[in-house]
Amino acid sequence: MQKQTGLLRLIKAFGYSLAGLKAAFIHEAAFRQEVILSLLLIPLALFLGANGIERALLISGLFVVLIAELFNSAIEAVADRISEEKHPLIKRAKDIGSAAVLVALCYAVLVWLLVLWGG
């Protein structure tokens, strides 16, 4: 089979990305919660940020959380596909993915605190 290139490849890749977002939203409660929180906080960030850089920082923290959650959900899905029995390596992979989300959440909170009250 010939490898696709150009615009068709980009269109298909975009479709796969949308399918991934839809799957995460449908199957992952944490992702849904973080999307809702982001939808509430993004307008607030646009209002509270004093300039473009502050607004970008506030919003970037929210996107980092969503990205980390997507990776964490992907790791969990692959791990569960391999085996649902308890295994130390699967537990480690899931725990590390969860830690990535925690670090992202801490980053977002820190950015918000520094921008809004770090004066």
PDB file of N, CA and C in Angstrom:
ATOM      1  N   MET A   1       0.842  -1.187   0.000  1.00  0.00           N
ATOM      2  CA  MET A   1       0.000   0.000   0.000  1.00  0.00           C
ATOM      3  C   MET A   1       0.883   1.245   0.000  1.00  0.00           C
ATOM      4  N   GLN A   2       0.524   2.201  -0.799  1.00  0.00           N
ATOM      5  CA  GLN A   2       1.313   3.418  -0.916  1.00  0.00           C
ATOM      6  C   GLN A   2       1.008   4.349   0.257  1.00  0.00           C
ATOM      7  N   LYS A   3       2.056   4.952   0.783  1.00  0.00           N
ATOM      8  CA  LYS A   3       1.922   5.868   1.898  1.00  0.00           C
ATOM      9  C   LYS A   3       1.283   7.170   1.424  1.00  0.00           C
ATOM     10  N   GLN A   4       0.320   7.668   2.207  1.00  0.00           N
ATOM     11  CA  GLN A   4      -0.349   8.911   1.831  1.00  0.00           C
ATOM     12  C   GLN A   4       0.506  10.111   2.223  1.00  0.00           C
ATOM     13  N   THR A   5       0.446  11.121   1.402  1.00  0.00           N
ATOM     14  CA  THR A   5       1.187  12.350   1.680  1.00  0.00           C
ATOM     15  C   THR A   5       0.284  13.539   1.413  1.00  0.00           C
ATOM     16  N   GLY A   6       0.741  14.697   1.817  1.00  0.00           N
ATOM     17  CA  GLY A   6       0.058  15.938   1.480  1.00  0.00           C
ATOM     18  C   GLY A   6      -1.225  16.170   2.236  1.00  0.00           C
ATOM     19  N   LEU A   7      -2.136  16.821   1.548  1.00  0.00           N
ATOM     20  CA  LEU A   7      -3.376  17.281   2.164  1.00  0.00           C
ATOM     21  C   LEU A   7      -4.236  16.123   2.657  1.00  0.00           C
ATOM     22  N   LEU A   8      -4.333  15.048   1.912  1.00  0.00           N
ATOM     23  CA  LEU A   8      -5.157  13.910   2.330  1.00  0.00           C
ATOM     24  C   LEU A   8      -4.655  13.330   3.648  1.00  0.00           C
ATOM     25  N   ARG A   9      -3.343  13.222   3.791  1.00  0.00           N
ATOM     26  CA  ARG A   9      -2.778  12.714   5.043  1.00  0.00           C
ATOM     27  C   ARG A   9      -3.130  13.640   6.196  1.00  0.00           C
ATOM     28  N   LEU A  10      -3.037  14.943   5.974  1.00  0.00           N
ATOM     29  CA  LEU A  10      -3.370  15.904   7.024  1.00  0.00           C
ATOM     30  C   LEU A  10      -4.843  15.823   7.418  1.00  0.00           C
ATOM     31  N   ILE A  11      -5.704  15.655   6.430  1.00  0.00           N
ATOM     32  CA  ILE A  11      -7.139  15.544   6.711  1.00  0.00           C
ATOM     33  C   ILE A  11      -7.426  14.294   7.527  1.00  0.00           C
ATOM     34  N   LYS A  12      -6.816  13.180   7.142  1.00  0.00           N
ATOM     35  CA  LYS A  12      -7.021  11.938   7.896  1.00  0.00           C
ATOM     36  C   LYS A  12      -6.453  12.048   9.310  1.00  0.00           C
ATOM     37  N   ALA A  13      -5.278  12.658   9.454  1.00  0.00           N
ATOM     38  CA  ALA A  13      -4.679  12.834  10.777  1.00  0.00           C
ATOM     39  C   ALA A  13      -5.576  13.697  11.659  1.00  0.00           C
ATOM     40  N   PHE A  14      -6.150  14.742  11.089  1.00  0.00           N
ATOM     41  CA  PHE A  14      -7.073  15.595  11.829  1.00  0.00           C
ATOM     42  C   PHE A  14      -8.288  14.787  12.290  1.00  0.00           C
ATOM     43  N   GLY A  15      -8.795  13.926  11.417  1.00  0.00           N
ATOM     44  CA  GLY A  15      -9.930  13.063  11.780  1.00  0.00           C
ATOM     45  C   GLY A  15      -9.581  12.124  12.924  1.00  0.00           C
ATOM     46  N   TYR A  16      -8.375  11.545  12.890  1.00  0.00           N
ATOM     47  CA  TYR A  16      -7.949  10.662  13.980  1.00  0.00           C
ATOM     48  C   TYR A  16      -7.845  11.445  15.286  1.00  0.00           C
ATOM     49  N   SER A  17      -7.365  12.671  15.209  1.00  0.00           N
ATOM     50  CA  SER A  17      -7.239  13.504  16.399  1.00  0.00           C
ATOM     51  C   SER A  17      -8.609  13.820  16.988  1.00  0.00           C
ATOM     52  N   LEU A  18      -9.558  14.162  16.132  1.00  0.00           N
ATOM     53  CA  LEU A  18     -10.914  14.425  16.608  1.00  0.00           C
ATOM     54  C   LEU A  18     -11.529  13.174  17.238  1.00  0.00           C
ATOM     55  N   ALA A  19     -11.276  12.017  16.636  1.00  0.00           N
ATOM     56  CA  ALA A  19     -11.772  10.758  17.195  1.00  0.00           C
ATOM     57  C   ALA A  19     -11.170  10.507  18.579  1.00  0.00           C
ATOM     58  N   GLY A  20      -9.893  10.846  18.742  1.00  0.00           N
ATOM     59  CA  GLY A  20      -9.246  10.683  20.039  1.00  0.00           C
ATOM     60  C   GLY A  20      -9.837  11.605  21.089  1.00  0.00           C
ATOM     61  N   LEU A  21     -10.087  12.856  20.714  1.00  0.00           N
ATOM     62  CA  LEU A  21     -10.718  13.790  21.654  1.00  0.00           C
ATOM     63  C   LEU A  21     -12.112  13.316  22.049  1.00  0.00           C
ATOM     64  N   LYS A  22     -12.864  12.838  21.067  1.00  0.00           N
ATOM     65  CA  LYS A  22     -14.213  12.327  21.334  1.00  0.00           C
ATOM     66  C   LYS A  22     -14.161  11.117  22.264  1.00  0.00           C
ATOM     67  N   ALA A  23     -13.240  10.188  21.990  1.00  0.00           N
ATOM     68  CA  ALA A  23     -13.116   8.992  22.823  1.00  0.00           C
ATOM     69  C   ALA A  23     -12.740   9.364  24.261  1.00  0.00           C
ATOM     70  N   ALA A  24     -11.807  10.297  24.402  1.00  0.00           N
ATOM     71  CA  ALA A  24     -11.405  10.723  25.746  1.00  0.00           C
ATOM     72  C   ALA A  24     -12.576  11.370  26.471  1.00  0.00           C
ATOM     73  N   PHE A  25     -13.326  12.199  25.769  1.00  0.00           N
ATOM     74  CA  PHE A  25     -14.452  12.885  26.397  1.00  0.00           C
ATOM     75  C   PHE A  25     -15.541  11.889  26.806  1.00  0.00           C
ATOM     76  N   ILE A  26     -15.786  10.895  25.970  1.00  0.00           N
ATOM     77  CA  ILE A  26     -16.834   9.910  26.267  1.00  0.00           C
ATOM     78  C   ILE A  26     -16.418   8.956  27.378  1.00  0.00           C
ATOM     79  N   HIS A  27     -15.176   8.489  27.353  1.00  0.00           N
ATOM     80  CA  HIS A  27     -14.758   7.397  28.227  1.00  0.00           C
ATOM     81  C   HIS A  27     -13.985   7.819  29.471  1.00  0.00           C
ATOM     82  N   GLU A  28     -13.539   9.055  29.550  1.00  0.00           N
ATOM     83  CA  GLU A  28     -12.676   9.474  30.657  1.00  0.00           C
ATOM     84  C   GLU A  28     -13.309  10.627  31.435  1.00  0.00           C
ATOM     85  N   ALA A  29     -13.807  10.303  32.636  1.00  0.00           N
ATOM     86  CA  ALA A  29     -14.467  11.311  33.467  1.00  0.00           C
ATOM     87  C   ALA A  29     -13.522  12.456  33.834  1.00  0.00           C
ATOM     88  N   ALA A  30     -12.276  12.129  34.132  1.00  0.00           N
ATOM     89  CA  ALA A  30     -11.318  13.178  34.507  1.00  0.00           C
ATOM     90  C   ALA A  30     -11.104  14.153  33.358  1.00  0.00           C
ATOM     91  N   PHE A  31     -11.027  13.645  32.131  1.00  0.00           N
ATOM     92  CA  PHE A  31     -10.852  14.523  30.973  1.00  0.00           C
ATOM     93  C   PHE A  31     -12.071  15.427  30.819  1.00  0.00           C
ATOM     94  N   ARG A  32     -13.276  14.860  30.966  1.00  0.00           N
ATOM     95  CA  ARG A  32     -14.490  15.679  30.879  1.00  0.00           C
ATOM     96  C   ARG A  32     -14.467  16.797  31.911  1.00  0.00           C
ATOM     97  N   GLN A  33     -14.091  16.463  33.146  1.00  0.00           N
ATOM     98  CA  GLN A  33     -14.040  17.465  34.209  1.00  0.00           C
ATOM     99  C   GLN A  33     -13.034  18.560  33.889  1.00  0.00           C
ATOM    100  N   GLU A  34     -11.879  18.169  33.371  1.00  0.00           N
ATOM    101  CA  GLU A  34     -10.838  19.149  33.045  1.00  0.00           C
ATOM    102  C   GLU A  34     -11.239  20.019  31.849  1.00  0.00           C
ATOM    103  N   VAL A  35     -11.968  19.452  30.898  1.00  0.00           N
ATOM    104  CA  VAL A  35     -12.471  20.249  29.772  1.00  0.00           C
ATOM    105  C   VAL A  35     -13.468  21.281  30.283  1.00  0.00           C
ATOM    106  N   ILE A  36     -14.388  20.858  31.136  1.00  0.00           N
ATOM    107  CA  ILE A  36     -15.381  21.786  31.685  1.00  0.00           C
ATOM    108  C   ILE A  36     -14.693  22.878  32.490  1.00  0.00           C
ATOM    109  N   LEU A  37     -13.731  22.508  33.319  1.00  0.00           N
ATOM    110  CA  LEU A  37     -12.985  23.495  34.096  1.00  0.00           C
ATOM    111  C   LEU A  37     -12.254  24.471  33.168  1.00  0.00           C
ATOM    112  N   SER A  38     -11.665  23.954  32.104  1.00  0.00           N
ATOM    113  CA  SER A  38     -10.961  24.818  31.149  1.00  0.00           C
ATOM    114  C   SER A  38     -11.921  25.772  30.450  1.00  0.00           C
ATOM    115  N   LEU A  39     -13.091  25.270  30.086  1.00  0.00           N
ATOM    116  CA  LEU A  39     -14.076  26.128  29.427  1.00  0.00           C
ATOM    117  C   LEU A  39     -14.546  27.260  30.350  1.00  0.00           C
ATOM    118  N   LEU A  40     -14.526  27.010  31.648  1.00  0.00           N
ATOM    119  CA  LEU A  40     -14.872  28.058  32.610  1.00  0.00           C
ATOM    120  C   LEU A  40     -13.713  29.019  32.850  1.00  0.00           C
ATOM    121  N   LEU A  41     -12.493  28.470  32.899  1.00  0.00           N
ATOM    122  CA  LEU A  41     -11.333  29.286  33.260  1.00  0.00           C
ATOM    123  C   LEU A  41     -10.727  30.066  32.089  1.00  0.00           C
ATOM    124  N   ILE A  42     -10.881  29.600  30.870  1.00  0.00           N
ATOM    125  CA  ILE A  42     -10.295  30.320  29.732  1.00  0.00           C
ATOM    126  C   ILE A  42     -10.883  31.730  29.600  1.00  0.00           C
ATOM    127  N   PRO A  43     -12.206  31.899  29.653  1.00  0.00           N
ATOM    128  CA  PRO A  43     -12.725  33.273  29.612  1.00  0.00           C
ATOM    129  C   PRO A  43     -12.243  34.110  30.804  1.00  0.00           C
ATOM    130  N   LEU A  44     -12.118  33.485  31.959  1.00  0.00           N
ATOM    131  CA  LEU A  44     -11.605  34.187  33.136  1.00  0.00           C
ATOM    132  C   LEU A  44     -10.158  34.613  32.921  1.00  0.00           C
ATOM    133  N   ALA A  45      -9.365  33.743  32.310  1.00  0.00           N
ATOM    134  CA  ALA A  45      -7.969  34.071  32.013  1.00  0.00           C
ATOM    135  C   ALA A  45      -7.885  35.247  31.047  1.00  0.00           C
ATOM    136  N   LEU A  46      -8.768  35.262  30.062  1.00  0.00           N
ATOM    137  CA  LEU A  46      -8.769  36.381  29.107  1.00  0.00           C
ATOM    138  C   LEU A  46      -9.124  37.695  29.796  1.00  0.00           C
ATOM    139  N   PHE A  47      -9.978  37.618  30.800  1.00  0.00           N
ATOM    140  CA  PHE A  47     -10.389  38.811  31.543  1.00  0.00           C
ATOM    141  C   PHE A  47      -9.337  39.236  32.562  1.00  0.00           C
ATOM    142  N   LEU A  48      -8.745  38.272  33.276  1.00  0.00           N
ATOM    143  CA  LEU A  48      -7.823  38.595  34.373  1.00  0.00           C
ATOM    144  C   LEU A  48      -6.400  38.888  33.920  1.00  0.00           C
ATOM    145  N   GLY A  49      -5.990  38.313  32.814  1.00  0.00           N
ATOM    146  CA  GLY A  49      -4.638  38.565  32.332  1.00  0.00           C
ATOM    147  C   GLY A  49      -4.476  40.028  31.929  1.00  0.00           C
ATOM    148  N   ALA A  50      -3.388  40.643  32.378  1.00  0.00           N
ATOM    149  CA  ALA A  50      -3.177  42.065  32.113  1.00  0.00           C
ATOM    150  C   ALA A  50      -2.700  42.326  30.681  1.00  0.00           C
ATOM    151  N   ASN A  51      -2.122  41.308  30.052  1.00  0.00           N
ATOM    152  CA  ASN A  51      -1.617  41.462  28.689  1.00  0.00           C
ATOM    153  C   ASN A  51      -1.612  40.094  28.007  1.00  0.00           C
ATOM    154  N   GLY A  52      -1.165  40.083  26.770  1.00  0.00           N
ATOM    155  CA  GLY A  52      -1.174  38.834  26.010  1.00  0.00           C
ATOM    156  C   GLY A  52      -0.326  37.740  26.620  1.00  0.00           C
ATOM    157  N   ILE A  53       0.807  38.117  27.179  1.00  0.00           N
ATOM    158  CA  ILE A  53       1.690  37.111  27.774  1.00  0.00           C
ATOM    159  C   ILE A  53       1.035  36.475  28.997  1.00  0.00           C
ATOM    160  N   GLU A  54       0.431  37.280  29.854  1.00  0.00           N
ATOM    161  CA  GLU A  54      -0.247  36.730  31.034  1.00  0.00           C
ATOM    162  C   GLU A  54      -1.421  35.841  30.617  1.00  0.00           C
ATOM    163  N   ARG A  55      -2.184  36.276  29.640  1.00  0.00           N
ATOM    164  CA  ARG A  55      -3.314  35.467  29.169  1.00  0.00           C
ATOM    165  C   ARG A  55      -2.817  34.143  28.602  1.00  0.00           C
ATOM    166  N   ALA A  56      -1.736  34.203  27.824  1.00  0.00           N
ATOM    167  CA  ALA A  56      -1.173  32.978  27.240  1.00  0.00           C
ATOM    168  C   ALA A  56      -0.670  32.033  28.324  1.00  0.00           C
ATOM    169  N   LEU A  57      -0.026  32.575  29.337  1.00  0.00           N
ATOM    170  CA  LEU A  57       0.462  31.731  30.434  1.00  0.00           C
ATOM    171  C   LEU A  57      -0.691  31.060  31.169  1.00  0.00           C
ATOM    172  N   LEU A  58      -1.714  31.832  31.494  1.00  0.00           N
ATOM    173  CA  LEU A  58      -2.857  31.275  32.219  1.00  0.00           C
ATOM    174  C   LEU A  58      -3.522  30.156  31.410  1.00  0.00           C
ATOM    175  N   ILE A  59      -3.713  30.396  30.130  1.00  0.00           N
ATOM    176  CA  ILE A  59      -4.378  29.405  29.281  1.00  0.00           C
ATOM    177  C   ILE A  59      -3.461  28.213  29.007  1.00  0.00           C
ATOM    178  N   SER A  60      -2.158  28.447  28.884  1.00  0.00           N
ATOM    179  CA  SER A  60      -1.239  27.340  28.596  1.00  0.00           C
ATOM    180  C   SER A  60      -1.254  26.301  29.711  1.00  0.00           C
ATOM    181  N   GLY A  61      -1.362  26.754  30.946  1.00  0.00           N
ATOM    182  CA  GLY A  61      -1.435  25.808  32.058  1.00  0.00           C
ATOM    183  C   GLY A  61      -2.616  24.864  31.924  1.00  0.00           C
ATOM    184  N   LEU A  62      -3.740  25.387  31.462  1.00  0.00           N
ATOM    185  CA  LEU A  62      -4.936  24.558  31.281  1.00  0.00           C
ATOM    186  C   LEU A  62      -4.724  23.545  30.155  1.00  0.00           C
ATOM    187  N   PHE A  63      -4.078  23.982  29.078  1.00  0.00           N
ATOM    188  CA  PHE A  63      -3.811  23.065  27.968  1.00  0.00           C
ATOM    189  C   PHE A  63      -2.808  21.981  28.367  1.00  0.00           C
ATOM    190  N   VAL A  64      -1.834  22.322  29.188  1.00  0.00           N
ATOM    191  CA  VAL A  64      -0.868  21.322  29.655  1.00  0.00           C
ATOM    192  C   VAL A  64      -1.588  20.227  30.444  1.00  0.00           C
ATOM    193  N   VAL A  65      -2.557  20.618  31.263  1.00  0.00           N
ATOM    194  CA  VAL A  65      -3.334  19.630  32.022  1.00  0.00           C
ATOM    195  C   VAL A  65      -4.093  18.714  31.066  1.00  0.00           C
ATOM    196  N   LEU A  66      -4.742  19.287  30.066  1.00  0.00           N
ATOM    197  CA  LEU A  66      -5.497  18.464  29.106  1.00  0.00           C
ATOM    198  C   LEU A  66      -4.577  17.517  28.336  1.00  0.00           C
ATOM    199  N   ILE A  67      -3.421  18.009  27.930  1.00  0.00           N
ATOM    200  CA  ILE A  67      -2.466  17.166  27.207  1.00  0.00           C
ATOM    201  C   ILE A  67      -1.983  16.014  28.083  1.00  0.00           C
ATOM    202  N   ALA A  68      -1.641  16.322  29.330  1.00  0.00           N
ATOM    203  CA  ALA A  68      -1.185  15.269  30.254  1.00  0.00           C
ATOM    204  C   ALA A  68      -2.283  14.236  30.470  1.00  0.00           C
ATOM    205  N   GLU A  69      -3.518  14.688  30.604  1.00  0.00           N
ATOM    206  CA  GLU A  69      -4.632  13.761  30.810  1.00  0.00           C
ATOM    207  C   GLU A  69      -4.842  12.874  29.586  1.00  0.00           C
ATOM    208  N   LEU A  70      -4.685  13.423  28.401  1.00  0.00           N
ATOM    209  CA  LEU A  70      -4.810  12.605  27.191  1.00  0.00           C
ATOM    210  C   LEU A  70      -3.733  11.520  27.145  1.00  0.00           C
ATOM    211  N   PHE A  71      -2.483  11.883  27.451  1.00  0.00           N
ATOM    212  CA  PHE A  71      -1.416  10.877  27.488  1.00  0.00           C
ATOM    213  C   PHE A  71      -1.686   9.830  28.574  1.00  0.00           C
ATOM    214  N   ASN A  72      -2.124  10.285  29.737  1.00  0.00           N
ATOM    215  CA  ASN A  72      -2.424   9.353  30.824  1.00  0.00           C
ATOM    216  C   ASN A  72      -3.533   8.378  30.409  1.00  0.00           C
ATOM    217  N   SER A  73      -4.573   8.891  29.780  1.00  0.00           N
ATOM    218  CA  SER A  73      -5.675   8.033  29.339  1.00  0.00           C
ATOM    219  C   SER A  73      -5.207   7.037  28.285  1.00  0.00           C
ATOM    220  N   ALA A  74      -4.326   7.479  27.383  1.00  0.00           N
ATOM    221  CA  ALA A  74      -3.794   6.574  26.361  1.00  0.00           C
ATOM    222  C   ALA A  74      -2.971   5.457  27.006  1.00  0.00           C
ATOM    223  N   ILE A  75      -2.134   5.813  27.968  1.00  0.00           N
ATOM    224  CA  ILE A  75      -1.325   4.811  28.672  1.00  0.00           C
ATOM    225  C   ILE A  75      -2.234   3.799  29.362  1.00  0.00           C
ATOM    226  N   GLU A  76      -3.265   4.287  30.047  1.00  0.00           N
ATOM    227  CA  GLU A  76      -4.184   3.387  30.752  1.00  0.00           C
ATOM    228  C   GLU A  76      -4.919   2.471  29.782  1.00  0.00           C
ATOM    229  N   ALA A  77      -5.346   3.000  28.637  1.00  0.00           N
ATOM    230  CA  ALA A  77      -6.058   2.169  27.658  1.00  0.00           C
ATOM    231  C   ALA A  77      -5.161   1.061  27.119  1.00  0.00           C
ATOM    232  N   VAL A  78      -3.926   1.404  26.791  1.00  0.00           N
ATOM    233  CA  VAL A  78      -2.991   0.396  26.274  1.00  0.00           C
ATOM    234  C   VAL A  78      -2.681  -0.632  27.357  1.00  0.00           C
ATOM    235  N   ALA A  79      -2.442  -0.169  28.566  1.00  0.00           N
ATOM    236  CA  ALA A  79      -2.139  -1.092  29.668  1.00  0.00           C
ATOM    237  C   ALA A  79      -3.303  -2.048  29.920  1.00  0.00           C
ATOM    238  N   ASP A  80      -4.534  -1.530  29.890  1.00  0.00           N
ATOM    239  CA  ASP A  80      -5.702  -2.382  30.117  1.00  0.00           C
ATOM    240  C   ASP A  80      -5.920  -3.356  28.963  1.00  0.00           C
ATOM    241  N   ARG A  81      -5.536  -2.965  27.763  1.00  0.00           N
ATOM    242  CA  ARG A  81      -5.645  -3.867  26.613  1.00  0.00           C
ATOM    243  C   ARG A  81      -4.659  -5.018  26.739  1.00  0.00           C
ATOM    244  N   ILE A  82      -3.473  -4.713  27.243  1.00  0.00           N
ATOM    245  CA  ILE A  82      -2.448  -5.748  27.396  1.00  0.00           C
ATOM    246  C   ILE A  82      -2.881  -6.753  28.449  1.00  0.00           C
ATOM    247  N   SER A  83      -3.327  -6.231  29.596  1.00  0.00           N
ATOM    248  CA  SER A  83      -3.752  -7.119  30.678  1.00  0.00           C
ATOM    249  C   SER A  83      -4.444  -6.304  31.750  1.00  0.00           C
ATOM    250  N   GLU A  84      -5.546  -6.837  32.254  1.00  0.00           N
ATOM    251  CA  GLU A  84      -6.223  -6.175  33.369  1.00  0.00           C
ATOM    252  C   GLU A  84      -5.812  -6.778  34.713  1.00  0.00           C
ATOM    253  N   GLU A  85      -4.970  -7.827  34.671  1.00  0.00           N
ATOM    254  CA  GLU A  85      -4.488  -8.386  35.927  1.00  0.00           C
ATOM    255  C   GLU A  85      -3.421  -7.461  36.517  1.00  0.00           C
ATOM    256  N   LYS A  86      -3.260  -7.539  37.817  1.00  0.00           N
ATOM    257  CA  LYS A  86      -2.292  -6.675  38.479  1.00  0.00           C
ATOM    258  C   LYS A  86      -0.873  -7.121  38.111  1.00  0.00           C
ATOM    259  N   HIS A  87      -0.097  -6.147  37.677  1.00  0.00           N
ATOM    260  CA  HIS A  87       1.296  -6.396  37.347  1.00  0.00           C
ATOM    261  C   HIS A  87       2.083  -5.153  37.732  1.00  0.00           C
ATOM    262  N   PRO A  88       3.263  -5.328  38.337  1.00  0.00           N
ATOM    263  CA  PRO A  88       4.010  -4.157  38.807  1.00  0.00           C
ATOM    264  C   PRO A  88       4.386  -3.172  37.699  1.00  0.00           C
ATOM    265  N   LEU A  89       4.674  -3.643  36.493  1.00  0.00           N
ATOM    266  CA  LEU A  89       5.037  -2.731  35.414  1.00  0.00           C
ATOM    267  C   LEU A  89       3.826  -1.939  34.909  1.00  0.00           C
ATOM    268  N   ILE A  90       2.667  -2.593  34.841  1.00  0.00           N
ATOM    269  CA  ILE A  90       1.454  -1.877  34.443  1.00  0.00           C
ATOM    270  C   ILE A  90       1.089  -0.849  35.505  1.00  0.00           C
ATOM    271  N   LYS A  91       1.211  -1.228  36.774  1.00  0.00           N
ATOM    272  CA  LYS A  91       0.935  -0.278  37.855  1.00  0.00           C
ATOM    273  C   LYS A  91       1.890   0.906  37.772  1.00  0.00           C
ATOM    274  N   ARG A  92       3.162   0.632  37.512  1.00  0.00           N
ATOM    275  CA  ARG A  92       4.141   1.709  37.404  1.00  0.00           C
ATOM    276  C   ARG A  92       3.788   2.659  36.259  1.00  0.00           C
ATOM    277  N   ALA A  93       3.432   2.096  35.112  1.00  0.00           N
ATOM    278  CA  ALA A  93       3.080   2.931  33.954  1.00  0.00           C
ATOM    279  C   ALA A  93       1.865   3.807  34.272  1.00  0.00           C
ATOM    280  N   LYS A  94       0.850   3.218  34.887  1.00  0.00           N
ATOM    281  CA  LYS A  94      -0.346   3.991  35.234  1.00  0.00           C
ATOM    282  C   LYS A  94      -0.031   5.047  36.286  1.00  0.00           C
ATOM    283  N   ASP A  95       0.775   4.700  37.266  1.00  0.00           N
ATOM    284  CA  ASP A  95       1.141   5.660  38.307  1.00  0.00           C
ATOM    285  C   ASP A  95       1.958   6.826  37.732  1.00  0.00           C
ATOM    286  N   ILE A  96       2.854   6.528  36.810  1.00  0.00           N
ATOM    287  CA  ILE A  96       3.659   7.586  36.196  1.00  0.00           C
ATOM    288  C   ILE A  96       2.769   8.498  35.346  1.00  0.00           C
ATOM    289  N   GLY A  97       1.837   7.919  34.621  1.00  0.00           N
ATOM    290  CA  GLY A  97       0.891   8.734  33.862  1.00  0.00           C
ATOM    291  C   GLY A  97       0.069   9.632  34.771  1.00  0.00           C
ATOM    292  N   SER A  98      -0.367   9.083  35.890  1.00  0.00           N
ATOM    293  CA  SER A  98      -1.116   9.871  36.872  1.00  0.00           C
ATOM    294  C   SER A  98      -0.246  10.972  37.465  1.00  0.00           C
ATOM    295  N   ALA A  99       1.013  10.670  37.712  1.00  0.00           N
ATOM    296  CA  ALA A  99       1.939  11.678  38.238  1.00  0.00           C
ATOM    297  C   ALA A  99       2.116  12.821  37.239  1.00  0.00           C
ATOM    298  N   ALA A 100       2.126  12.507  35.950  1.00  0.00           N
ATOM    299  CA  ALA A 100       2.241  13.552  34.931  1.00  0.00           C
ATOM    300  C   ALA A 100       1.056  14.514  35.013  1.00  0.00           C
ATOM    301  N   VAL A 101      -0.129  13.979  35.236  1.00  0.00           N
ATOM    302  CA  VAL A 101      -1.309  14.831  35.382  1.00  0.00           C
ATOM    303  C   VAL A 101      -1.183  15.693  36.633  1.00  0.00           C
ATOM    304  N   LEU A 102      -0.711  15.108  37.727  1.00  0.00           N
ATOM    305  CA  LEU A 102      -0.531  15.868  38.960  1.00  0.00           C
ATOM    306  C   LEU A 102       0.469  17.005  38.765  1.00  0.00           C
ATOM    307  N   VAL A 103       1.582  16.724  38.106  1.00  0.00           N
ATOM    308  CA  VAL A 103       2.583  17.770  37.845  1.00  0.00           C
ATOM    309  C   VAL A 103       1.974  18.870  36.976  1.00  0.00           C
ATOM    310  N   ALA A 104       1.187  18.487  35.970  1.00  0.00           N
ATOM    311  CA  ALA A 104       0.536  19.472  35.105  1.00  0.00           C
ATOM    312  C   ALA A 104      -0.438  20.334  35.902  1.00  0.00           C
ATOM    313  N   LEU A 105      -1.197  19.713  36.786  1.00  0.00           N
ATOM    314  CA  LEU A 105      -2.129  20.475  37.626  1.00  0.00           C
ATOM    315  C   LEU A 105      -1.376  21.442  38.535  1.00  0.00           C
ATOM    316  N   CYS A 106      -0.279  20.988  39.120  1.00  0.00           N
ATOM    317  CA  CYS A 106       0.539  21.866  39.965  1.00  0.00           C
ATOM    318  C   CYS A 106       1.097  23.030  39.154  1.00  0.00           C
ATOM    319  N   TYR A 107       1.536  22.746  37.926  1.00  0.00           N
ATOM    320  CA  TYR A 107       2.035  23.795  37.035  1.00  0.00           C
ATOM    321  C   TYR A 107       0.942  24.835  36.784  1.00  0.00           C
ATOM    322  N   ALA A 108      -0.263  24.366  36.461  1.00  0.00           N
ATOM    323  CA  ALA A 108      -1.363  25.291  36.163  1.00  0.00           C
ATOM    324  C   ALA A 108      -1.683  26.157  37.374  1.00  0.00           C
ATOM    325  N   VAL A 109      -1.758  25.553  38.546  1.00  0.00           N
ATOM    326  CA  VAL A 109      -2.053  26.317  39.768  1.00  0.00           C
ATOM    327  C   VAL A 109      -0.940  27.324  40.039  1.00  0.00           C
ATOM    328  N   LEU A 110       0.303  26.896  39.911  1.00  0.00           N
ATOM    329  CA  LEU A 110       1.441  27.789  40.148  1.00  0.00           C
ATOM    330  C   LEU A 110       1.429  28.981  39.192  1.00  0.00           C
ATOM    331  N   VAL A 111       1.169  28.719  37.924  1.00  0.00           N
ATOM    332  CA  VAL A 111       1.104  29.812  36.933  1.00  0.00           C
ATOM    333  C   VAL A 111       0.006  30.791  37.306  1.00  0.00           C
ATOM    334  N   TRP A 112      -1.168  30.279  37.637  1.00  0.00           N
ATOM    335  CA  TRP A 112      -2.270  31.162  38.008  1.00  0.00           C
ATOM    336  C   TRP A 112      -1.910  31.989  39.237  1.00  0.00           C
ATOM    337  N   LEU A 113      -1.309  31.354  40.239  1.00  0.00           N
ATOM    338  CA  LEU A 113      -0.930  32.090  41.453  1.00  0.00           C
ATOM    339  C   LEU A 113       0.106  33.163  41.136  1.00  0.00           C
ATOM    340  N   LEU A 114       1.128  32.819  40.391  1.00  0.00           N
ATOM    341  CA  LEU A 114       2.184  33.766  40.074  1.00  0.00           C
ATOM    342  C   LEU A 114       1.679  34.926  39.212  1.00  0.00           C
ATOM    343  N   VAL A 115       0.849  34.628  38.251  1.00  0.00           N
ATOM    344  CA  VAL A 115       0.352  35.687  37.373  1.00  0.00           C
ATOM    345  C   VAL A 115      -0.607  36.607  38.127  1.00  0.00           C
ATOM    346  N   LEU A 116      -1.514  36.010  38.895  1.00  0.00           N
ATOM    347  CA  LEU A 116      -2.557  36.814  39.519  1.00  0.00           C
ATOM    348  C   LEU A 116      -2.159  37.443  40.840  1.00  0.00           C
ATOM    349  N   TRP A 117      -1.258  36.787  41.580  1.00  0.00           N
ATOM    350  CA  TRP A 117      -0.896  37.316  42.891  1.00  0.00           C
ATOM    351  C   TRP A 117       0.604  37.478  43.090  1.00  0.00           C
ATOM    352  N   GLY A 118       1.377  37.167  42.091  1.00  0.00           N
ATOM    353  CA  GLY A 118       2.824  37.237  42.242  1.00  0.00           C
ATOM    354  C   GLY A 118       3.402  38.626  42.045  1.00  0.00           C
ATOM    355  N   GLY A 119       2.576  39.512  41.535  1.00  0.00           N
ATOM    356  CA  GLY A 119       2.852  40.892  41.284  1.00  0.00           C
ATOM    357  C   GLY A 119       4.220  41.328  41.220  1.00  0.00           C
TER     358      GLY A 119
END
